[in-house]
Amino acid sequence: MTRLRPPASRRAGAANLCDDVIGRITRLISSGAYPPGSSLPSERDLSVQLGVSRPSLREALRTLSVIGALETRHGSGTQVAASSADILKSSFAFLLLIDKPTIVDIYETRELIEVHLVGRAAERRTDAELAAIAAGLDGMRGLPLGDPRSVEANLRFHAAIASAAHNLVLERMMSCLHDGIRATMEASAPGVLDAEHALQVHEQIFEAIARQNPADARRAMTLHMGMGVDDARRVNAQGTAPAPALRTRRTRTVS
């Protein structure tokens, strides 16, 4: 027997109701009634407080949990997320999945963000943050660029720089780019002509941050990003398969 779907108007009404409940919860969080890291009341009590049905509340809570604004833990109920770190990640993951940006797109985005971040990191880093950057660099030594351990260390290196810049918004953006950055590293590795030089550029970035020289840090990061784009284009020209999440962009001839 064919299963009938509810009318479109009913589905739209349910979506609007869910949005309304989400708005009410958001206003409670914004007002400070439930600050980051705090627990929400039980489903029954919160539905009474908001004046909505429990099914509508449940749908809203599920949606907010999916985007990372709430956390549901077994035995401790639902809590407001202590950090916004995961809120944009799922949306950005779908951007990679649906729009399929090129490797060059990601490198250009990284350059826009990371050249600024590295300059700020050189100005603002603490000794502990410098040590974290150094640890990422040390983890890359003696390993092929495409080795998973080298990729992880490289990710830590760039994440530590973002943290040392002390700009929370840009740090969150870098966190959202995490999977895209990983894909660019993995996809461009076969195109690297001189792995030792690639490591030396990372060392130049670190040394400039250590000397607290923002101009040199930005210069070294710009070089690093340019090399990455060249490596990605070389991979494309060689016909090497790119990372599955991204496409490589073919160089266009300008007449």
Protein backbone atom coordinates (compact mmCIF):
# COMPACT_ATOMS: atom_id res chain seq x y z
CA MET A 1 0.00 0.00 0.00
CA THR A 2 1.33 3.42 -0.97
CA ARG A 3 2.27 5.55 2.00
CA LEU A 4 0.87 9.05 1.74
CA ARG A 5 3.06 11.99 2.65
CA PRO A 6 1.57 14.80 4.72
CA PRO A 7 0.53 17.85 2.70
CA ALA A 8 3.25 20.36 1.92
CA SER A 9 1.49 22.99 4.00
CA ARG A 10 1.62 20.73 7.05
CA ARG A 11 5.31 20.00 6.53
CA ALA A 12 6.02 23.72 6.16
CA GLY A 13 4.04 24.42 9.32
CA ALA A 14 6.07 21.86 11.25
CA ALA A 15 9.32 23.38 9.98
CA ASN A 16 8.19 26.87 10.96
CA LEU A 17 7.22 25.64 14.42
CA CYS A 18 10.63 24.02 14.85
CA ASP A 19 12.31 27.27 13.78
CA ASP A 20 10.17 29.17 16.30
CA VAL A 21 11.21 26.83 19.13
CA ILE A 22 14.86 27.11 18.09
CA GLY A 23 14.49 30.89 18.22
CA ARG A 24 13.07 30.73 21.75
CA ILE A 25 15.90 28.51 22.96
CA THR A 26 18.44 30.77 21.27
CA ARG A 27 17.02 33.80 23.04
CA LEU A 28 17.26 32.03 26.39
CA ILE A 29 20.93 31.26 25.74
CA SER A 30 21.58 34.80 24.51
CA SER A 31 19.93 36.29 27.61
CA GLY A 32 22.32 34.40 29.86
CA ALA A 33 19.62 32.17 31.33
CA TYR A 34 21.59 29.17 30.08
CA PRO A 35 25.21 30.18 29.44
CA PRO A 36 27.71 28.05 27.51
CA GLY A 37 28.41 24.79 29.32
CA SER A 38 25.25 24.91 31.42
CA SER A 39 22.56 22.24 31.50
CA LEU A 40 19.09 22.78 30.10
CA PRO A 41 16.04 21.79 32.16
CA SER A 42 14.43 18.43 31.54
CA GLU A 43 12.44 18.09 28.36
CA ARG A 44 9.18 18.29 30.32
CA ASP A 45 10.16 21.40 32.28
CA LEU A 46 11.61 23.17 29.24
CA SER A 47 8.49 22.49 27.16
CA VAL A 48 6.40 24.09 29.92
CA GLN A 49 8.79 27.05 30.19
CA LEU A 50 8.64 27.66 26.45
CA GLY A 51 4.95 26.85 26.09
CA VAL A 52 5.49 24.29 23.32
CA SER A 53 4.75 20.61 22.87
CA ARG A 54 7.39 18.05 23.76
CA PRO A 55 7.58 16.67 20.17
CA SER A 56 8.24 20.19 18.83
CA LEU A 57 10.83 20.80 21.53
CA ARG A 58 12.46 17.44 20.85
CA GLU A 59 12.84 18.29 17.14
CA ALA A 60 14.36 21.68 17.96
CA LEU A 61 16.81 20.15 20.44
CA ARG A 62 17.80 17.53 17.88
CA THR A 63 18.45 20.22 15.26
CA LEU A 64 20.55 22.31 17.65
CA SER A 65 22.51 19.20 18.64
CA VAL A 66 23.25 18.36 14.99
CA ILE A 67 24.77 21.79 14.35
CA GLY A 68 26.83 21.58 17.56
CA ALA A 69 25.05 24.27 19.59
CA LEU A 70 23.88 21.71 22.14
CA GLU A 71 25.46 18.54 23.48
CA THR A 72 23.46 15.55 24.66
CA ARG A 73 25.23 13.21 27.05
CA HIS A 74 23.87 9.99 28.43
CA GLY A 75 23.03 10.42 32.08
CA SER A 76 23.60 14.19 32.18
CA GLY A 77 20.90 15.50 29.85
CA THR A 78 21.31 18.30 27.32
CA GLN A 79 23.87 21.06 27.75
CA VAL A 80 24.65 24.26 25.90
CA ALA A 81 27.93 23.74 24.06
CA ALA A 82 30.86 25.12 26.00
CA SER A 83 32.53 26.20 22.75
CA SER A 84 31.44 27.15 19.25
CA ALA A 85 34.25 25.06 17.73
CA ASP A 86 31.96 22.45 16.15
CA ILE A 87 29.02 24.64 15.13
CA LEU A 88 30.14 25.45 11.59
CA LYS A 89 31.94 22.19 10.86
CA SER A 90 28.95 20.22 9.61
CA SER A 91 27.88 23.07 7.32
CA PHE A 92 31.37 23.36 5.88
CA ALA A 93 31.54 19.59 5.42
CA PHE A 94 28.46 19.83 3.21
CA LEU A 95 30.05 22.70 1.30
CA LEU A 96 32.94 20.38 0.42
CA LEU A 97 30.54 17.57 -0.42
CA ILE A 98 28.10 19.54 -2.58
CA ASP A 99 30.11 22.38 -4.13
CA LYS A 100 33.34 20.38 -4.42
CA PRO A 101 35.75 23.33 -4.27
CA THR A 102 39.08 22.84 -5.98
CA ILE A 103 42.36 22.32 -4.19
CA VAL A 104 43.39 25.74 -5.45
CA ASP A 105 40.18 27.23 -3.99
CA ILE A 106 41.13 25.89 -0.57
CA TYR A 107 44.74 27.09 -0.85
CA GLU A 108 43.55 30.57 -1.83
CA THR A 109 41.21 30.61 1.16
CA ARG A 110 43.99 29.40 3.41
CA GLU A 111 46.33 32.09 2.12
CA LEU A 112 43.76 34.81 2.82
CA ILE A 113 43.37 33.62 6.41
CA GLU A 114 46.72 32.14 7.35
CA VAL A 115 48.98 34.94 6.10
CA HIS A 116 47.08 37.28 8.43
CA LEU A 117 47.06 34.76 11.28
CA VAL A 118 50.78 34.07 11.14
CA GLY A 119 51.55 37.79 11.40
CA ARG A 120 49.33 38.09 14.45
CA ALA A 121 50.87 34.92 15.92
CA ALA A 122 54.33 36.48 15.59
CA GLU A 123 53.09 39.53 17.49
CA ARG A 124 51.01 37.80 20.16
CA ARG A 125 52.33 34.28 20.76
CA THR A 126 53.28 33.10 24.22
CA ASP A 127 56.18 30.79 25.00
CA ALA A 128 53.74 27.91 25.51
CA GLU A 129 52.12 28.57 22.12
CA LEU A 130 55.53 28.73 20.46
CA ALA A 131 56.30 25.33 21.99
CA ALA A 132 53.08 23.93 20.50
CA ILE A 133 54.05 25.23 17.05
CA ALA A 134 57.50 23.71 17.48
CA ALA A 135 55.97 20.36 18.43
CA GLY A 136 53.99 20.30 15.19
CA LEU A 137 57.13 21.11 13.21
CA ASP A 138 59.16 18.43 15.01
CA GLY A 139 56.47 15.85 14.19
CA MET A 140 57.01 16.45 10.46
CA ARG A 141 60.74 15.79 10.52
CA GLY A 142 62.04 12.59 8.99
CA LEU A 143 58.69 11.60 7.47
CA PRO A 144 57.47 11.66 3.86
CA LEU A 145 55.05 14.54 3.27
CA GLY A 146 52.18 12.20 2.44
CA ASP A 147 52.69 10.05 5.53
CA PRO A 148 49.58 10.25 7.75
CA ARG A 149 51.78 11.09 10.76
CA SER A 150 53.37 13.98 8.85
CA VAL A 151 49.95 15.25 7.75
CA GLU A 152 48.68 15.16 11.34
CA ALA A 153 51.76 17.01 12.57
CA ASN A 154 51.37 19.58 9.79
CA LEU A 155 47.73 20.12 10.80
CA ARG A 156 48.82 20.64 14.41
CA PHE A 157 51.46 23.12 13.25
CA HIS A 158 48.91 25.28 11.44
CA ALA A 159 46.29 24.92 14.18
CA ALA A 160 48.83 26.03 16.78
CA ILE A 161 49.63 29.12 14.70
CA ALA A 162 45.91 29.93 14.49
CA SER A 163 45.59 29.59 18.25
CA ALA A 164 48.65 31.78 18.86
CA ALA A 165 47.09 34.61 16.81
CA HIS A 166 44.46 35.11 19.54
CA ASN A 167 41.63 35.81 17.10
CA LEU A 168 38.79 33.49 18.07
CA VAL A 169 36.70 34.03 14.92
CA LEU A 170 39.56 33.22 12.55
CA GLU A 171 40.60 30.29 14.71
CA ARG A 172 37.07 28.89 14.38
CA MET A 173 37.24 29.40 10.62
CA MET A 174 40.48 27.43 10.52
CA SER A 175 38.81 24.68 12.52
CA CYS A 176 36.04 24.53 9.90
CA LEU A 177 38.67 24.29 7.17
CA HIS A 178 40.35 21.36 8.92
CA ASP A 179 39.14 18.64 6.53
CA GLY A 180 39.77 20.82 3.51
CA ILE A 181 43.30 21.59 4.71
CA ARG A 182 43.95 17.89 5.24
CA ALA A 183 42.72 17.18 1.70
CA THR A 184 45.03 19.81 0.19
CA MET A 185 48.02 18.40 2.07
CA GLU A 186 47.30 14.85 0.96
CA ALA A 187 46.49 15.79 -2.63
CA SER A 188 49.45 18.10 -3.23
CA ALA A 189 52.09 15.87 -1.59
CA PRO A 190 52.81 13.86 -4.79
CA GLY A 191 53.58 17.11 -6.61
CA VAL A 192 56.26 18.30 -4.17
CA LEU A 193 59.59 18.40 -5.98
CA ASP A 194 61.79 19.09 -2.96
CA ALA A 195 60.47 17.79 0.38
CA GLU A 196 63.48 19.21 2.23
CA HIS A 197 62.74 22.70 0.90
CA ALA A 198 59.08 22.32 1.89
CA LEU A 199 60.17 21.56 5.45
CA GLN A 200 62.58 24.49 5.39
CA VAL A 201 59.71 26.85 4.56
CA HIS A 202 57.84 25.57 7.63
CA GLU A 203 61.02 26.22 9.62
CA GLN A 204 61.17 29.78 8.26
CA ILE A 205 57.60 30.33 9.40
CA PHE A 206 58.45 29.02 12.87
CA GLU A 207 61.66 31.04 13.16
CA ALA A 208 59.87 34.26 12.19
CA ILE A 209 57.23 33.62 14.84
CA ALA A 210 59.95 32.83 17.38
CA ARG A 211 61.71 36.14 16.56
CA GLN A 212 58.33 37.89 16.71
CA ASN A 213 58.84 39.27 13.22
CA PRO A 214 55.38 39.52 11.59
CA ALA A 215 56.64 40.71 8.20
CA ASP A 216 58.97 37.72 7.80
CA ALA A 217 56.26 35.38 9.07
CA ARG A 218 53.75 36.65 6.51
CA ARG A 219 56.36 36.45 3.77
CA ALA A 220 57.21 32.83 4.60
CA MET A 221 53.53 31.82 4.83
CA THR A 222 52.80 33.45 1.46
CA LEU A 223 55.65 31.45 -0.03
CA HIS A 224 54.31 28.29 1.59
CA MET A 225 50.81 28.80 0.16
CA GLY A 226 52.19 29.59 -3.30
CA MET A 227 54.25 26.42 -3.26
CA GLY A 228 51.14 24.45 -2.29
CA VAL A 229 49.20 25.80 -5.27
CA ASP A 230 52.10 24.97 -7.60
CA ASP A 231 52.30 21.44 -6.18
CA ALA A 232 48.55 20.93 -6.64
CA ARG A 233 48.70 22.11 -10.25
CA ARG A 234 51.66 19.82 -10.87
CA VAL A 235 49.66 16.88 -9.54
CA ASN A 236 46.82 17.79 -11.88
CA ALA A 237 49.15 18.06 -14.87
CA GLN A 238 50.63 14.65 -14.06
CA GLY A 239 47.17 13.12 -13.88
CA THR A 240 47.66 12.00 -10.27
CA ALA A 241 44.33 11.35 -8.53
CA PRO A 242 43.41 14.22 -6.17
CA ALA A 243 41.97 13.85 -2.71
CA PRO A 244 38.38 12.58 -2.99
CA ALA A 245 36.82 15.60 -1.29
CA LEU A 246 38.27 18.15 -3.69
CA ARG A 247 38.95 18.73 -7.35
CA THR A 248 42.08 20.24 -8.84
CA ARG A 249 41.60 23.26 -11.04
CA ARG A 250 43.29 23.24 -14.41
CA THR A 251 45.37 26.28 -15.18
CA ARG A 252 43.58 28.47 -17.72
CA THR A 253 45.48 30.08 -20.56
CA VAL A 254 44.97 33.81 -20.77
CA SER A 255 45.11 35.13 -24.30
